[in-house]
Amino acid sequence: MIKPKEPPFAPTEVQLEKRIMELYRDAYDDIRIEIAKMYEAFSADGSLSLAEMTRYNRLTKVEQQLATILSGLYKKYRDWE
């Protein structure tokens, strides 16, 4: 019996590329949202300094959020494949 992920039902290269582009676009949007939230919460007069971000481990928390978004990107692709 032919399984769904084997030829002739396996996704084509074009379909894979399209899916990867969709996943990267979604991850990019998520990252932009996180950065906008960060600026909204911690900026002073539209400026955000490294000193302000390192206070209270804020920068570390943002880095962890971004890592979660990017690792989710990989998981979404692996689940789809």
PDB file of N, CA and C in Angstrom:
ATOM      1  N   MET A   1       0.840  -1.183   0.000  1.00  0.00           N
ATOM      2  CA  MET A   1       0.000   0.000   0.000  1.00  0.00           C
ATOM      3  C   MET A   1       0.886   1.247   0.000  1.00  0.00           C
ATOM      4  N   ILE A   2       0.525   2.230  -0.808  1.00  0.00           N
ATOM      5  CA  ILE A   2       1.283   3.478  -0.900  1.00  0.00           C
ATOM      6  C   ILE A   2       0.913   4.367   0.281  1.00  0.00           C
ATOM      7  N   LYS A   3       1.940   4.873   0.939  1.00  0.00           N
ATOM      8  CA  LYS A   3       1.723   5.783   2.062  1.00  0.00           C
ATOM      9  C   LYS A   3       1.642   7.214   1.542  1.00  0.00           C
ATOM     10  N   PRO A   4       0.939   8.095   2.274  1.00  0.00           N
ATOM     11  CA  PRO A   4       0.739   9.475   1.796  1.00  0.00           C
ATOM     12  C   PRO A   4       2.018  10.262   1.548  1.00  0.00           C
ATOM     13  N   LYS A   5       3.102   9.939   2.233  1.00  0.00           N
ATOM     14  CA  LYS A   5       4.329  10.727   2.092  1.00  0.00           C
ATOM     15  C   LYS A   5       5.292  10.120   1.079  1.00  0.00           C
ATOM     16  N   GLU A   6       4.879   9.078   0.376  1.00  0.00           N
ATOM     17  CA  GLU A   6       5.707   8.450  -0.639  1.00  0.00           C
ATOM     18  C   GLU A   6       5.186   8.808  -2.023  1.00  0.00           C
ATOM     19  N   PRO A   7       6.069   8.747  -3.049  1.00  0.00           N
ATOM     20  CA  PRO A   7       5.602   9.034  -4.394  1.00  0.00           C
ATOM     21  C   PRO A   7       4.444   8.121  -4.762  1.00  0.00           C
ATOM     22  N   PRO A   8       3.484   8.518  -5.476  1.00  0.00           N
ATOM     23  CA  PRO A   8       3.318   9.806  -6.148  1.00  0.00           C
ATOM     24  C   PRO A   8       2.627  10.850  -5.287  1.00  0.00           C
ATOM     25  N   PHE A   9       2.416  10.569  -4.005  1.00  0.00           N
ATOM     26  CA  PHE A   9       1.694  11.505  -3.139  1.00  0.00           C
ATOM     27  C   PHE A   9       2.602  12.432  -2.347  1.00  0.00           C
ATOM     28  N   ALA A  10       3.888  12.217  -2.405  1.00  0.00           N
ATOM     29  CA  ALA A  10       4.828  13.056  -1.668  1.00  0.00           C
ATOM     30  C   ALA A  10       4.776  14.485  -2.213  1.00  0.00           C
ATOM     31  N   PRO A  11       5.003  15.472  -1.349  1.00  0.00           N
ATOM     32  CA  PRO A  11       4.986  16.857  -1.829  1.00  0.00           C
ATOM     33  C   PRO A  11       6.112  17.094  -2.831  1.00  0.00           C
ATOM     34  N   THR A  12       5.831  17.909  -3.824  1.00  0.00           N
ATOM     35  CA  THR A  12       6.843  18.238  -4.820  1.00  0.00           C
ATOM     36  C   THR A  12       7.811  19.265  -4.238  1.00  0.00           C
ATOM     37  N   GLU A  13       8.891  19.477  -4.954  1.00  0.00           N
ATOM     38  CA  GLU A  13       9.885  20.454  -4.504  1.00  0.00           C
ATOM     39  C   GLU A  13       9.268  21.851  -4.424  1.00  0.00           C
ATOM     40  N   VAL A  14       8.436  22.188  -5.379  1.00  0.00           N
ATOM     41  CA  VAL A  14       7.783  23.499  -5.390  1.00  0.00           C
ATOM     42  C   VAL A  14       6.865  23.636  -4.176  1.00  0.00           C
ATOM     43  N   GLN A  15       6.128  22.579  -3.850  1.00  0.00           N
ATOM     44  CA  GLN A  15       5.253  22.623  -2.680  1.00  0.00           C
ATOM     45  C   GLN A  15       6.060  22.776  -1.400  1.00  0.00           C
ATOM     46  N   LEU A  16       7.183  22.067  -1.313  1.00  0.00           N
ATOM     47  CA  LEU A  16       8.041  22.181  -0.131  1.00  0.00           C
ATOM     48  C   LEU A  16       8.592  23.599   0.009  1.00  0.00           C
ATOM     49  N   GLU A  17       9.071  24.159  -1.107  1.00  0.00           N
ATOM     50  CA  GLU A  17       9.603  25.524  -1.064  1.00  0.00           C
ATOM     51  C   GLU A  17       8.529  26.520  -0.652  1.00  0.00           C
ATOM     52  N   LYS A  18       7.336  26.350  -1.173  1.00  0.00           N
ATOM     53  CA  LYS A  18       6.235  27.247  -0.823  1.00  0.00           C
ATOM     54  C   LYS A  18       5.921  27.141   0.668  1.00  0.00           C
ATOM     55  N   ARG A  19       5.892  25.930   1.187  1.00  0.00           N
ATOM     56  CA  ARG A  19       5.601  25.723   2.616  1.00  0.00           C
ATOM     57  C   ARG A  19       6.694  26.335   3.483  1.00  0.00           C
ATOM     58  N   ILE A  20       7.937  26.159   3.080  1.00  0.00           N
ATOM     59  CA  ILE A  20       9.049  26.734   3.843  1.00  0.00           C
ATOM     60  C   ILE A  20       8.951  28.259   3.850  1.00  0.00           C
ATOM     61  N   MET A  21       8.628  28.851   2.718  1.00  0.00           N
ATOM     62  CA  MET A  21       8.463  30.302   2.651  1.00  0.00           C
ATOM     63  C   MET A  21       7.326  30.770   3.560  1.00  0.00           C
ATOM     64  N   GLU A  22       6.232  30.029   3.597  1.00  0.00           N
ATOM     65  CA  GLU A  22       5.113  30.388   4.475  1.00  0.00           C
ATOM     66  C   GLU A  22       5.541  30.334   5.938  1.00  0.00           C
ATOM     67  N   LEU A  23       6.279  29.287   6.292  1.00  0.00           N
ATOM     68  CA  LEU A  23       6.719  29.135   7.678  1.00  0.00           C
ATOM     69  C   LEU A  23       7.683  30.255   8.069  1.00  0.00           C
ATOM     70  N   TYR A  24       8.623  30.586   7.180  1.00  0.00           N
ATOM     71  CA  TYR A  24       9.557  31.664   7.475  1.00  0.00           C
ATOM     72  C   TYR A  24       8.834  33.008   7.567  1.00  0.00           C
ATOM     73  N   ARG A  25       7.849  33.244   6.713  1.00  0.00           N
ATOM     74  CA  ARG A  25       7.085  34.492   6.775  1.00  0.00           C
ATOM     75  C   ARG A  25       6.348  34.596   8.107  1.00  0.00           C
ATOM     76  N   ASP A  26       5.736  33.498   8.535  1.00  0.00           N
ATOM     77  CA  ASP A  26       5.029  33.502   9.813  1.00  0.00           C
ATOM     78  C   ASP A  26       5.991  33.741  10.976  1.00  0.00           C
ATOM     79  N   ALA A  27       7.163  33.095  10.929  1.00  0.00           N
ATOM     80  CA  ALA A  27       8.153  33.288  11.991  1.00  0.00           C
ATOM     81  C   ALA A  27       8.659  34.736  11.991  1.00  0.00           C
ATOM     82  N   TYR A  28       8.869  35.297  10.817  1.00  0.00           N
ATOM     83  CA  TYR A  28       9.302  36.694  10.700  1.00  0.00           C
ATOM     84  C   TYR A  28       8.269  37.628  11.311  1.00  0.00           C
ATOM     85  N   ASP A  29       7.013  37.385  11.026  1.00  0.00           N
ATOM     86  CA  ASP A  29       5.942  38.209  11.605  1.00  0.00           C
ATOM     87  C   ASP A  29       5.915  38.078  13.126  1.00  0.00           C
ATOM     88  N   ASP A  30       6.085  36.868  13.630  1.00  0.00           N
ATOM     89  CA  ASP A  30       6.107  36.652  15.080  1.00  0.00           C
ATOM     90  C   ASP A  30       7.273  37.397  15.731  1.00  0.00           C
ATOM     91  N   ILE A  31       8.430  37.373  15.078  1.00  0.00           N
ATOM     92  CA  ILE A  31       9.605  38.066  15.610  1.00  0.00           C
ATOM     93  C   ILE A  31       9.369  39.574  15.605  1.00  0.00           C
ATOM     94  N   ARG A  32       8.794  40.094  14.534  1.00  0.00           N
ATOM     95  CA  ARG A  32       8.497  41.529  14.486  1.00  0.00           C
ATOM     96  C   ARG A  32       7.535  41.929  15.599  1.00  0.00           C
ATOM     97  N   ILE A  33       6.564  41.085  15.879  1.00  0.00           N
ATOM     98  CA  ILE A  33       5.608  41.369  16.956  1.00  0.00           C
ATOM     99  C   ILE A  33       6.325  41.407  18.306  1.00  0.00           C
ATOM    100  N   GLU A  34       7.215  40.445  18.535  1.00  0.00           N
ATOM    101  CA  GLU A  34       7.960  40.410  19.801  1.00  0.00           C
ATOM    102  C   GLU A  34       8.827  41.656  19.961  1.00  0.00           C
ATOM    103  N   ILE A  35       9.484  42.081  18.893  1.00  0.00           N
ATOM    104  CA  ILE A  35      10.324  43.277  18.957  1.00  0.00           C
ATOM    105  C   ILE A  35       9.475  44.522  19.197  1.00  0.00           C
ATOM    106  N   ALA A  36       8.314  44.590  18.563  1.00  0.00           N
ATOM    107  CA  ALA A  36       7.415  45.731  18.777  1.00  0.00           C
ATOM    108  C   ALA A  36       6.946  45.772  20.229  1.00  0.00           C
ATOM    109  N   LYS A  37       6.616  44.624  20.790  1.00  0.00           N
ATOM    110  CA  LYS A  37       6.208  44.563  22.206  1.00  0.00           C
ATOM    111  C   LYS A  37       7.345  45.032  23.103  1.00  0.00           C
ATOM    112  N   MET A  38       8.558  44.620  22.767  1.00  0.00           N
ATOM    113  CA  MET A  38       9.727  44.984  23.558  1.00  0.00           C
ATOM    114  C   MET A  38       9.923  46.501  23.528  1.00  0.00           C
ATOM    115  N   TYR A  39       9.852  47.095  22.351  1.00  0.00           N
ATOM    116  CA  TYR A  39       9.995  48.550  22.242  1.00  0.00           C
ATOM    117  C   TYR A  39       8.883  49.268  22.989  1.00  0.00           C
ATOM    118  N   GLU A  40       7.677  48.767  22.858  1.00  0.00           N
ATOM    119  CA  GLU A  40       6.551  49.404  23.534  1.00  0.00           C
ATOM    120  C   GLU A  40       6.720  49.373  25.051  1.00  0.00           C
ATOM    121  N   ALA A  41       7.207  48.270  25.568  1.00  0.00           N
ATOM    122  CA  ALA A  41       7.315  48.103  27.013  1.00  0.00           C
ATOM    123  C   ALA A  41       8.528  48.806  27.620  1.00  0.00           C
ATOM    124  N   PHE A  42       9.661  48.816  26.911  1.00  0.00           N
ATOM    125  CA  PHE A  42      10.904  49.236  27.544  1.00  0.00           C
ATOM    126  C   PHE A  42      11.572  50.465  26.941  1.00  0.00           C
ATOM    127  N   SER A  43      11.051  51.023  25.865  1.00  0.00           N
ATOM    128  CA  SER A  43      11.734  52.148  25.245  1.00  0.00           C
ATOM    129  C   SER A  43      11.422  53.444  25.983  1.00  0.00           C
ATOM    130  N   ALA A  44      12.374  54.365  25.880  1.00  0.00           N
ATOM    131  CA  ALA A  44      12.202  55.702  26.441  1.00  0.00           C
ATOM    132  C   ALA A  44      12.396  56.693  25.308  1.00  0.00           C
ATOM    133  N   ASP A  45      11.374  57.446  24.976  1.00  0.00           N
ATOM    134  CA  ASP A  45      11.411  58.419  23.880  1.00  0.00           C
ATOM    135  C   ASP A  45      11.769  57.761  22.543  1.00  0.00           C
ATOM    136  N   GLY A  46      11.263  56.558  22.316  1.00  0.00           N
ATOM    137  CA  GLY A  46      11.500  55.866  21.052  1.00  0.00           C
ATOM    138  C   GLY A  46      12.873  55.254  20.925  1.00  0.00           C
ATOM    139  N   SER A  47      13.626  55.237  22.005  1.00  0.00           N
ATOM    140  CA  SER A  47      14.982  54.698  21.995  1.00  0.00           C
ATOM    141  C   SER A  47      15.071  53.552  22.985  1.00  0.00           C
ATOM    142  N   LEU A  48      15.791  52.540  22.606  1.00  0.00           N
ATOM    143  CA  LEU A  48      15.945  51.375  23.474  1.00  0.00           C
ATOM    144  C   LEU A  48      17.426  51.060  23.589  1.00  0.00           C
ATOM    145  N   SER A  49      17.959  51.128  24.796  1.00  0.00           N
ATOM    146  CA  SER A  49      19.392  50.920  24.984  1.00  0.00           C
ATOM    147  C   SER A  49      19.683  49.492  25.438  1.00  0.00           C
ATOM    148  N   LEU A  50      20.901  49.085  25.197  1.00  0.00           N
ATOM    149  CA  LEU A  50      21.333  47.764  25.636  1.00  0.00           C
ATOM    150  C   LEU A  50      21.312  47.683  27.162  1.00  0.00           C
ATOM    151  N   ALA A  51      21.662  48.768  27.819  1.00  0.00           N
ATOM    152  CA  ALA A  51      21.647  48.793  29.280  1.00  0.00           C
ATOM    153  C   ALA A  51      20.233  48.556  29.806  1.00  0.00           C
ATOM    154  N   GLU A  52      19.249  49.172  29.161  1.00  0.00           N
ATOM    155  CA  GLU A  52      17.855  48.986  29.578  1.00  0.00           C
ATOM    156  C   GLU A  52      17.418  47.540  29.367  1.00  0.00           C
ATOM    157  N   MET A  53      17.868  46.930  28.289  1.00  0.00           N
ATOM    158  CA  MET A  53      17.453  45.560  28.000  1.00  0.00           C
ATOM    159  C   MET A  53      18.152  44.531  28.893  1.00  0.00           C
ATOM    160  N   THR A  54      19.384  44.816  29.311  1.00  0.00           N
ATOM    161  CA  THR A  54      20.074  43.866  30.175  1.00  0.00           C
ATOM    162  C   THR A  54      19.593  43.950  31.614  1.00  0.00           C
ATOM    163  N   ARG A  55      18.947  45.044  31.973  1.00  0.00           N
ATOM    164  CA  ARG A  55      18.395  45.181  33.313  1.00  0.00           C
ATOM    165  C   ARG A  55      17.287  44.149  33.501  1.00  0.00           C
ATOM    166  N   TYR A  56      17.290  43.474  34.617  1.00  0.00           N
ATOM    167  CA  TYR A  56      16.281  42.473  34.985  1.00  0.00           C
ATOM    168  C   TYR A  56      16.217  41.308  33.983  1.00  0.00           C
ATOM    169  N   ASN A  57      17.325  41.031  33.316  1.00  0.00           N
ATOM    170  CA  ASN A  57      17.406  39.915  32.361  1.00  0.00           C
ATOM    171  C   ASN A  57      16.383  40.026  31.230  1.00  0.00           C
ATOM    172  N   ARG A  58      16.024  41.216  30.851  1.00  0.00           N
ATOM    173  CA  ARG A  58      15.034  41.396  29.783  1.00  0.00           C
ATOM    174  C   ARG A  58      15.542  40.875  28.451  1.00  0.00           C
ATOM    175  N   LEU A  59      16.807  41.140  28.156  1.00  0.00           N
ATOM    176  CA  LEU A  59      17.381  40.701  26.890  1.00  0.00           C
ATOM    177  C   LEU A  59      17.401  39.176  26.809  1.00  0.00           C
ATOM    178  N   THR A  60      17.733  38.529  27.896  1.00  0.00           N
ATOM    179  CA  THR A  60      17.751  37.067  27.937  1.00  0.00           C
ATOM    180  C   THR A  60      16.361  36.505  27.672  1.00  0.00           C
ATOM    181  N   LYS A  61      15.357  37.128  28.240  1.00  0.00           N
ATOM    182  CA  LYS A  61      13.979  36.663  28.039  1.00  0.00           C
ATOM    183  C   LYS A  61      13.553  36.823  26.584  1.00  0.00           C
ATOM    184  N   VAL A  62      13.929  37.932  25.969  1.00  0.00           N
ATOM    185  CA  VAL A  62      13.591  38.152  24.562  1.00  0.00           C
ATOM    186  C   VAL A  62      14.321  37.140  23.687  1.00  0.00           C
ATOM    187  N   GLU A  63      15.594  36.885  23.987  1.00  0.00           N
ATOM    188  CA  GLU A  63      16.348  35.886  23.228  1.00  0.00           C
ATOM    189  C   GLU A  63      15.695  34.512  23.335  1.00  0.00           C
ATOM    190  N   GLN A  64      15.197  34.164  24.512  1.00  0.00           N
ATOM    191  CA  GLN A  64      14.517  32.884  24.689  1.00  0.00           C
ATOM    192  C   GLN A  64      13.222  32.832  23.881  1.00  0.00           C
ATOM    193  N   GLN A  65      12.489  33.940  23.843  1.00  0.00           N
ATOM    194  CA  GLN A  65      11.256  33.982  23.050  1.00  0.00           C
ATOM    195  C   GLN A  65      11.555  33.807  21.565  1.00  0.00           C
ATOM    196  N   LEU A  66      12.608  34.456  21.091  1.00  0.00           N
ATOM    197  CA  LEU A  66      12.987  34.324  19.686  1.00  0.00           C
ATOM    198  C   LEU A  66      13.461  32.901  19.374  1.00  0.00           C
ATOM    199  N   ALA A  67      14.207  32.308  20.281  1.00  0.00           N
ATOM    200  CA  ALA A  67      14.647  30.924  20.080  1.00  0.00           C
ATOM    201  C   ALA A  67      13.450  29.980  20.021  1.00  0.00           C
ATOM    202  N   THR A  68      12.437  30.248  20.837  1.00  0.00           N
ATOM    203  CA  THR A  68      11.220  29.433  20.820  1.00  0.00           C
ATOM    204  C   THR A  68      10.506  29.562  19.484  1.00  0.00           C
ATOM    205  N   ILE A  69      10.441  30.764  18.957  1.00  0.00           N
ATOM    206  CA  ILE A  69       9.794  30.985  17.661  1.00  0.00           C
ATOM    207  C   ILE A  69      10.537  30.220  16.565  1.00  0.00           C
ATOM    208  N   LEU A  70      11.859  30.320  16.571  1.00  0.00           N
ATOM    209  CA  LEU A  70      12.644  29.660  15.530  1.00  0.00           C
ATOM    210  C   LEU A  70      12.638  28.142  15.669  1.00  0.00           C
ATOM    211  N   SER A  71      12.648  27.633  16.883  1.00  0.00           N
ATOM    212  CA  SER A  71      12.572  26.180  17.040  1.00  0.00           C
ATOM    213  C   SER A  71      11.185  25.682  16.647  1.00  0.00           C
ATOM    214  N   GLY A  72      10.172  26.500  16.870  1.00  0.00           N
ATOM    215  CA  GLY A  72       8.829  26.148  16.427  1.00  0.00           C
ATOM    216  C   GLY A  72       8.746  26.077  14.909  1.00  0.00           C
ATOM    217  N   LEU A  73       9.525  26.914  14.238  1.00  0.00           N
ATOM    218  CA  LEU A  73       9.587  26.894  12.780  1.00  0.00           C
ATOM    219  C   LEU A  73      10.063  25.526  12.300  1.00  0.00           C
ATOM    220  N   TYR A  74      11.111  25.028  12.902  1.00  0.00           N
ATOM    221  CA  TYR A  74      11.636  23.711  12.527  1.00  0.00           C
ATOM    222  C   TYR A  74      10.608  22.613  12.812  1.00  0.00           C
ATOM    223  N   LYS A  75       9.981  22.680  13.968  1.00  0.00           N
ATOM    224  CA  LYS A  75       8.993  21.661  14.330  1.00  0.00           C
ATOM    225  C   LYS A  75       7.809  21.661  13.374  1.00  0.00           C
ATOM    226  N   LYS A  76       7.357  22.845  12.971  1.00  0.00           N
ATOM    227  CA  LYS A  76       6.238  22.934  12.039  1.00  0.00           C
ATOM    228  C   LYS A  76       6.599  22.307  10.708  1.00  0.00           C
ATOM    229  N   TYR A  77       7.830  22.553  10.252  1.00  0.00           N
ATOM    230  CA  TYR A  77       8.266  21.973   8.976  1.00  0.00           C
ATOM    231  C   TYR A  77       8.353  20.457   9.077  1.00  0.00           C
ATOM    232  N   ARG A  78       8.935  19.961  10.160  1.00  0.00           N
ATOM    233  CA  ARG A  78       9.093  18.510  10.328  1.00  0.00           C
ATOM    234  C   ARG A  78       7.718  17.826  10.424  1.00  0.00           C
ATOM    235  N   ASP A  79       6.766  18.476  11.071  1.00  0.00           N
ATOM    236  CA  ASP A  79       5.425  17.915  11.181  1.00  0.00           C
ATOM    237  C   ASP A  79       4.734  17.863   9.828  1.00  0.00           C
ATOM    238  N   TRP A  80       5.003  18.849   8.990  1.00  0.00           N
ATOM    239  CA  TRP A  80       4.350  18.920   7.694  1.00  0.00           C
ATOM    240  C   TRP A  80       4.952  17.924   6.715  1.00  0.00           C
ATOM    241  N   GLU A  81       6.268  17.756   6.822  1.00  0.00           N
ATOM    242  CA  GLU A  81       6.996  16.926   5.870  1.00  0.00           C
ATOM    243  C   GLU A  81       6.563  15.515   5.890  1.00  0.00           C
TER     244      GLU A  81
END
